[in-house]
Amino acid sequence: MARGNQRDKAREANQKKMADMKKGNAMSGTAMAAEKEKVAAKMREKQAAADAKKAAEGAAAPKKK
């Protein structure tokens, strides 16, 4: 009887391990690199817009001395 229980426990553990593996990233290396570059480009655009806005606000506000 103990052998059947051990087999069931091993099967459950293996199913859990396989389910965890499926949750992982399914992208290939090139797809991952392309996605990272796309996100980086979007962040650079957002940063440039924020810098431009900050520069415009700084130029518009009179400086006090």
PDB file of N, CA and C in Angstrom:
ATOM      1  N   MET A   1       0.808  -1.199   0.000  1.00  0.00           N
ATOM      2  CA  MET A   1       0.000   0.000   0.000  1.00  0.00           C
ATOM      3  C   MET A   1       0.850   1.260   0.000  1.00  0.00           C
ATOM      4  N   ALA A   2       1.946   1.206   0.687  1.00  0.00           N
ATOM      5  CA  ALA A   2       2.779   2.396   0.783  1.00  0.00           C
ATOM      6  C   ALA A   2       3.312   2.791  -0.591  1.00  0.00           C
ATOM      7  N   ARG A   3       3.571   1.790  -1.428  1.00  0.00           N
ATOM      8  CA  ARG A   3       4.126   2.088  -2.755  1.00  0.00           C
ATOM      9  C   ARG A   3       3.127   2.873  -3.598  1.00  0.00           C
ATOM     10  N   GLY A   4       1.862   2.553  -3.535  1.00  0.00           N
ATOM     11  CA  GLY A   4       0.830   3.272  -4.288  1.00  0.00           C
ATOM     12  C   GLY A   4       0.728   4.717  -3.844  1.00  0.00           C
ATOM     13  N   ASN A   5       0.813   4.946  -2.552  1.00  0.00           N
ATOM     14  CA  ASN A   5       0.754   6.297  -2.019  1.00  0.00           C
ATOM     15  C   ASN A   5       1.966   7.103  -2.489  1.00  0.00           C
ATOM     16  N   GLN A   6       3.123   6.462  -2.485  1.00  0.00           N
ATOM     17  CA  GLN A   6       4.347   7.153  -2.928  1.00  0.00           C
ATOM     18  C   GLN A   6       4.224   7.550  -4.402  1.00  0.00           C
ATOM     19  N   ARG A   7       3.673   6.670  -5.205  1.00  0.00           N
ATOM     20  CA  ARG A   7       3.486   6.944  -6.626  1.00  0.00           C
ATOM     21  C   ARG A   7       2.530   8.113  -6.828  1.00  0.00           C
ATOM     22  N   ASP A   8       1.437   8.128  -6.062  1.00  0.00           N
ATOM     23  CA  ASP A   8       0.478   9.232  -6.161  1.00  0.00           C
ATOM     24  C   ASP A   8       1.114  10.553  -5.761  1.00  0.00           C
ATOM     25  N   LYS A   9       1.876  10.548  -4.694  1.00  0.00           N
ATOM     26  CA  LYS A   9       2.539  11.773  -4.233  1.00  0.00           C
ATOM     27  C   LYS A   9       3.540  12.270  -5.285  1.00  0.00           C
ATOM     28  N   ALA A  10       4.282  11.356  -5.890  1.00  0.00           N
ATOM     29  CA  ALA A  10       5.250  11.733  -6.922  1.00  0.00           C
ATOM     30  C   ALA A  10       4.536  12.305  -8.137  1.00  0.00           C
ATOM     31  N   ARG A  11       3.414  11.710  -8.504  1.00  0.00           N
ATOM     32  CA  ARG A  11       2.629  12.203  -9.635  1.00  0.00           C
ATOM     33  C   ARG A  11       2.104  13.609  -9.354  1.00  0.00           C
ATOM     34  N   GLU A  12       1.593  13.847  -8.153  1.00  0.00           N
ATOM     35  CA  GLU A  12       1.100  15.177  -7.782  1.00  0.00           C
ATOM     36  C   GLU A  12       2.216  16.218  -7.808  1.00  0.00           C
ATOM     37  N   ALA A  13       3.370  15.839  -7.292  1.00  0.00           N
ATOM     38  CA  ALA A  13       4.507  16.763  -7.273  1.00  0.00           C
ATOM     39  C   ALA A  13       4.946  17.090  -8.695  1.00  0.00           C
ATOM     40  N   ASN A  14       4.960  16.084  -9.560  1.00  0.00           N
ATOM     41  CA  ASN A  14       5.360  16.313 -10.946  1.00  0.00           C
ATOM     42  C   ASN A  14       4.352  17.199 -11.661  1.00  0.00           C
ATOM     43  N   GLN A  15       3.070  17.007 -11.429  1.00  0.00           N
ATOM     44  CA  GLN A  15       2.053  17.840 -12.059  1.00  0.00           C
ATOM     45  C   GLN A  15       2.191  19.291 -11.601  1.00  0.00           C
ATOM     46  N   LYS A  16       2.479  19.494 -10.335  1.00  0.00           N
ATOM     47  CA  LYS A  16       2.670  20.847  -9.821  1.00  0.00           C
ATOM     48  C   LYS A  16       3.894  21.492 -10.462  1.00  0.00           C
ATOM     49  N   LYS A  17       4.963  20.736 -10.604  1.00  0.00           N
ATOM     50  CA  LYS A  17       6.191  21.249 -11.210  1.00  0.00           C
ATOM     51  C   LYS A  17       5.937  21.624 -12.666  1.00  0.00           C
ATOM     52  N   MET A  18       5.210  20.796 -13.389  1.00  0.00           N
ATOM     53  CA  MET A  18       4.918  21.083 -14.794  1.00  0.00           C
ATOM     54  C   MET A  18       4.015  22.305 -14.931  1.00  0.00           C
ATOM     55  N   ALA A  19       3.065  22.475 -14.021  1.00  0.00           N
ATOM     56  CA  ALA A  19       2.191  23.646 -14.058  1.00  0.00           C
ATOM     57  C   ALA A  19       2.997  24.914 -13.796  1.00  0.00           C
ATOM     58  N   ASP A  20       3.945  24.855 -12.881  1.00  0.00           N
ATOM     59  CA  ASP A  20       4.795  26.007 -12.605  1.00  0.00           C
ATOM     60  C   ASP A  20       5.662  26.348 -13.806  1.00  0.00           C
ATOM     61  N   MET A  21       6.114  25.342 -14.535  1.00  0.00           N
ATOM     62  CA  MET A  21       6.931  25.592 -15.716  1.00  0.00           C
ATOM     63  C   MET A  21       6.115  26.274 -16.805  1.00  0.00           C
ATOM     64  N   LYS A  22       4.841  25.925 -16.929  1.00  0.00           N
ATOM     65  CA  LYS A  22       3.983  26.526 -17.943  1.00  0.00           C
ATOM     66  C   LYS A  22       3.702  27.987 -17.634  1.00  0.00           C
ATOM     67  N   LYS A  23       3.742  28.376 -16.370  1.00  0.00           N
ATOM     68  CA  LYS A  23       3.483  29.753 -15.987  1.00  0.00           C
ATOM     69  C   LYS A  23       4.610  30.682 -16.415  1.00  0.00           C
ATOM     70  N   GLY A  24       5.771  30.144 -16.667  1.00  0.00           N
ATOM     71  CA  GLY A  24       6.946  30.938 -16.989  1.00  0.00           C
ATOM     72  C   GLY A  24       6.824  31.660 -18.320  1.00  0.00           C
ATOM     73  N   ASN A  25       7.857  32.377 -18.666  1.00  0.00           N
ATOM     74  CA  ASN A  25       7.893  33.155 -19.888  1.00  0.00           C
ATOM     75  C   ASN A  25       7.969  32.226 -21.097  1.00  0.00           C
ATOM     76  N   ALA A  26       7.112  32.466 -22.082  1.00  0.00           N
ATOM     77  CA  ALA A  26       7.075  31.618 -23.260  1.00  0.00           C
ATOM     78  C   ALA A  26       7.766  32.275 -24.458  1.00  0.00           C
ATOM     79  N   MET A  27       8.307  33.491 -24.278  1.00  0.00           N
ATOM     80  CA  MET A  27       8.947  34.189 -25.389  1.00  0.00           C
ATOM     81  C   MET A  27      10.351  33.652 -25.637  1.00  0.00           C
ATOM     82  N   SER A  28      10.752  33.693 -26.904  1.00  0.00           N
ATOM     83  CA  SER A  28      12.120  33.299 -27.242  1.00  0.00           C
ATOM     84  C   SER A  28      13.057  34.461 -26.911  1.00  0.00           C
ATOM     85  N   GLY A  29      14.327  34.231 -27.045  1.00  0.00           N
ATOM     86  CA  GLY A  29      15.306  35.263 -26.728  1.00  0.00           C
ATOM     87  C   GLY A  29      15.177  36.487 -27.614  1.00  0.00           C
ATOM     88  N   THR A  30      14.950  36.283 -28.913  1.00  0.00           N
ATOM     89  CA  THR A  30      14.832  37.425 -29.822  1.00  0.00           C
ATOM     90  C   THR A  30      13.532  38.184 -29.582  1.00  0.00           C
ATOM     91  N   ALA A  31      12.460  37.462 -29.307  1.00  0.00           N
ATOM     92  CA  ALA A  31      11.186  38.120 -29.021  1.00  0.00           C
ATOM     93  C   ALA A  31      11.284  38.918 -27.726  1.00  0.00           C
ATOM     94  N   MET A  32      11.971  38.372 -26.733  1.00  0.00           N
ATOM     95  CA  MET A  32      12.148  39.066 -25.465  1.00  0.00           C
ATOM     96  C   MET A  32      12.957  40.338 -25.671  1.00  0.00           C
ATOM     97  N   ALA A  33      14.031  40.261 -26.459  1.00  0.00           N
ATOM     98  CA  ALA A  33      14.865  41.434 -26.722  1.00  0.00           C
ATOM     99  C   ALA A  33      14.077  42.507 -27.468  1.00  0.00           C
ATOM    100  N   ALA A  34      13.272  42.101 -28.442  1.00  0.00           N
ATOM    101  CA  ALA A  34      12.462  43.058 -29.194  1.00  0.00           C
ATOM    102  C   ALA A  34      11.452  43.735 -28.283  1.00  0.00           C
ATOM    103  N   GLU A  35      10.824  42.980 -27.406  1.00  0.00           N
ATOM    104  CA  GLU A  35       9.840  43.543 -26.472  1.00  0.00           C
ATOM    105  C   GLU A  35      10.515  44.522 -25.514  1.00  0.00           C
ATOM    106  N   LYS A  36      11.695  44.167 -25.012  1.00  0.00           N
ATOM    107  CA  LYS A  36      12.418  45.058 -24.102  1.00  0.00           C
ATOM    108  C   LYS A  36      12.798  46.357 -24.805  1.00  0.00           C
ATOM    109  N   GLU A  37      13.214  46.266 -26.064  1.00  0.00           N
ATOM    110  CA  GLU A  37      13.594  47.465 -26.817  1.00  0.00           C
ATOM    111  C   GLU A  37      12.379  48.351 -27.068  1.00  0.00           C
ATOM    112  N   LYS A  38      11.231  47.732 -27.356  1.00  0.00           N
ATOM    113  CA  LYS A  38      10.001  48.494 -27.587  1.00  0.00           C
ATOM    114  C   LYS A  38       9.589  49.251 -26.322  1.00  0.00           C
ATOM    115  N   VAL A  39       9.672  48.582 -25.199  1.00  0.00           N
ATOM    116  CA  VAL A  39       9.328  49.220 -23.929  1.00  0.00           C
ATOM    117  C   VAL A  39      10.324  50.326 -23.595  1.00  0.00           C
ATOM    118  N   ALA A  40      11.607  50.078 -23.862  1.00  0.00           N
ATOM    119  CA  ALA A  40      12.631  51.082 -23.587  1.00  0.00           C
ATOM    120  C   ALA A  40      12.420  52.321 -24.451  1.00  0.00           C
ATOM    121  N   ALA A  41      12.050  52.131 -25.703  1.00  0.00           N
ATOM    122  CA  ALA A  41      11.799  53.268 -26.591  1.00  0.00           C
ATOM    123  C   ALA A  41      10.613  54.084 -26.090  1.00  0.00           C
ATOM    124  N   LYS A  42       9.579  53.409 -25.632  1.00  0.00           N
ATOM    125  CA  LYS A  42       8.409  54.111 -25.106  1.00  0.00           C
ATOM    126  C   LYS A  42       8.782  54.913 -23.857  1.00  0.00           C
ATOM    127  N   MET A  43       9.607  54.330 -23.002  1.00  0.00           N
ATOM    128  CA  MET A  43      10.030  55.038 -21.787  1.00  0.00           C
ATOM    129  C   MET A  43      10.914  56.237 -22.131  1.00  0.00           C
ATOM    130  N   ARG A  44      11.772  56.100 -23.157  1.00  0.00           N
ATOM    131  CA  ARG A  44      12.601  57.236 -23.581  1.00  0.00           C
ATOM    132  C   ARG A  44      11.728  58.373 -24.093  1.00  0.00           C
ATOM    133  N   GLU A  45      10.664  58.052 -24.847  1.00  0.00           N
ATOM    134  CA  GLU A  45       9.742  59.078 -25.333  1.00  0.00           C
ATOM    135  C   GLU A  45       9.050  59.781 -24.171  1.00  0.00           C
ATOM    136  N   LYS A  46       8.596  59.014 -23.196  1.00  0.00           N
ATOM    137  CA  LYS A  46       7.937  59.603 -22.036  1.00  0.00           C
ATOM    138  C   LYS A  46       8.884  60.497 -21.259  1.00  0.00           C
ATOM    139  N   GLN A  47      10.149  60.060 -21.125  1.00  0.00           N
ATOM    140  CA  GLN A  47      11.131  60.851 -20.393  1.00  0.00           C
ATOM    141  C   GLN A  47      11.448  62.139 -21.139  1.00  0.00           C
ATOM    142  N   ALA A  48      11.544  62.077 -22.463  1.00  0.00           N
ATOM    143  CA  ALA A  48      11.806  63.273 -23.259  1.00  0.00           C
ATOM    144  C   ALA A  48      10.643  64.259 -23.129  1.00  0.00           C
ATOM    145  N   ALA A  49       9.420  63.750 -23.132  1.00  0.00           N
ATOM    146  CA  ALA A  49       8.254  64.625 -22.972  1.00  0.00           C
ATOM    147  C   ALA A  49       8.254  65.268 -21.591  1.00  0.00           C
ATOM    148  N   ALA A  50       8.609  64.509 -20.570  1.00  0.00           N
ATOM    149  CA  ALA A  50       8.651  65.055 -19.207  1.00  0.00           C
ATOM    150  C   ALA A  50       9.747  66.108 -19.086  1.00  0.00           C
ATOM    151  N   ASP A  51      10.891  65.861 -19.707  1.00  0.00           N
ATOM    152  CA  ASP A  51      11.982  66.833 -19.672  1.00  0.00           C
ATOM    153  C   ASP A  51      11.590  68.112 -20.400  1.00  0.00           C
ATOM    154  N   ALA A  52      10.904  67.982 -21.540  1.00  0.00           N
ATOM    155  CA  ALA A  52      10.467  69.150 -22.294  1.00  0.00           C
ATOM    156  C   ALA A  52       9.455  69.954 -21.483  1.00  0.00           C
ATOM    157  N   LYS A  53       8.552  69.274 -20.816  1.00  0.00           N
ATOM    158  CA  LYS A  53       7.546  69.948 -20.000  1.00  0.00           C
ATOM    159  C   LYS A  53       8.217  70.678 -18.836  1.00  0.00           C
ATOM    160  N   LYS A  54       9.176  70.021 -18.217  1.00  0.00           N
ATOM    161  CA  LYS A  54       9.899  70.630 -17.094  1.00  0.00           C
ATOM    162  C   LYS A  54      10.683  71.857 -17.563  1.00  0.00           C
ATOM    163  N   ALA A  55      11.304  71.773 -18.729  1.00  0.00           N
ATOM    164  CA  ALA A  55      12.063  72.903 -19.272  1.00  0.00           C
ATOM    165  C   ALA A  55      11.131  74.062 -19.608  1.00  0.00           C
ATOM    166  N   ALA A  56       9.952  73.762 -20.147  1.00  0.00           N
ATOM    167  CA  ALA A  56       8.990  74.805 -20.489  1.00  0.00           C
ATOM    168  C   ALA A  56       8.474  75.495 -19.230  1.00  0.00           C
ATOM    169  N   GLU A  57       8.226  74.734 -18.198  1.00  0.00           N
ATOM    170  CA  GLU A  57       7.757  75.325 -16.944  1.00  0.00           C
ATOM    171  C   GLU A  57       8.866  76.157 -16.295  1.00  0.00           C
ATOM    172  N   GLY A  58      10.079  75.696 -16.402  1.00  0.00           N
ATOM    173  CA  GLY A  58      11.205  76.421 -15.824  1.00  0.00           C
ATOM    174  C   GLY A  58      11.472  77.716 -16.544  1.00  0.00           C
ATOM    175  N   ALA A  59      11.293  77.746 -17.855  1.00  0.00           N
ATOM    176  CA  ALA A  59      11.521  78.960 -18.651  1.00  0.00           C
ATOM    177  C   ALA A  59      10.391  79.945 -18.438  1.00  0.00           C
ATOM    178  N   ALA A  60       9.183  79.471 -18.202  1.00  0.00           N
ATOM    179  CA  ALA A  60       8.024  80.350 -18.046  1.00  0.00           C
ATOM    180  C   ALA A  60       8.006  81.019 -16.670  1.00  0.00           C
ATOM    181  N   ALA A  61       8.499  80.357 -15.668  1.00  0.00           N
ATOM    182  CA  ALA A  61       8.460  80.901 -14.322  1.00  0.00           C
ATOM    183  C   ALA A  61       9.607  81.902 -14.147  1.00  0.00           C
ATOM    184  N   PRO A  62       9.305  83.094 -13.605  1.00  0.00           N
ATOM    185  CA  PRO A  62      10.385  84.067 -13.366  1.00  0.00           C
ATOM    186  C   PRO A  62      11.276  83.604 -12.226  1.00  0.00           C
ATOM    187  N   LYS A  63      12.565  83.833 -12.362  1.00  0.00           N
ATOM    188  CA  LYS A  63      13.500  83.401 -11.335  1.00  0.00           C
ATOM    189  C   LYS A  63      13.677  84.507 -10.311  1.00  0.00           C
ATOM    190  N   LYS A  64      13.679  84.139  -9.066  1.00  0.00           N
ATOM    191  CA  LYS A  64      13.850  85.090  -7.969  1.00  0.00           C
ATOM    192  C   LYS A  64      15.278  85.010  -7.467  1.00  0.00           C
ATOM    193  N   LYS A  65      15.851  86.189  -7.184  1.00  0.00           N
ATOM    194  CA  LYS A  65      17.202  86.208  -6.627  1.00  0.00           C
ATOM    195  C   LYS A  65      17.226  86.966  -5.344  1.00  0.00           C
TER     196      LYS A  65
END
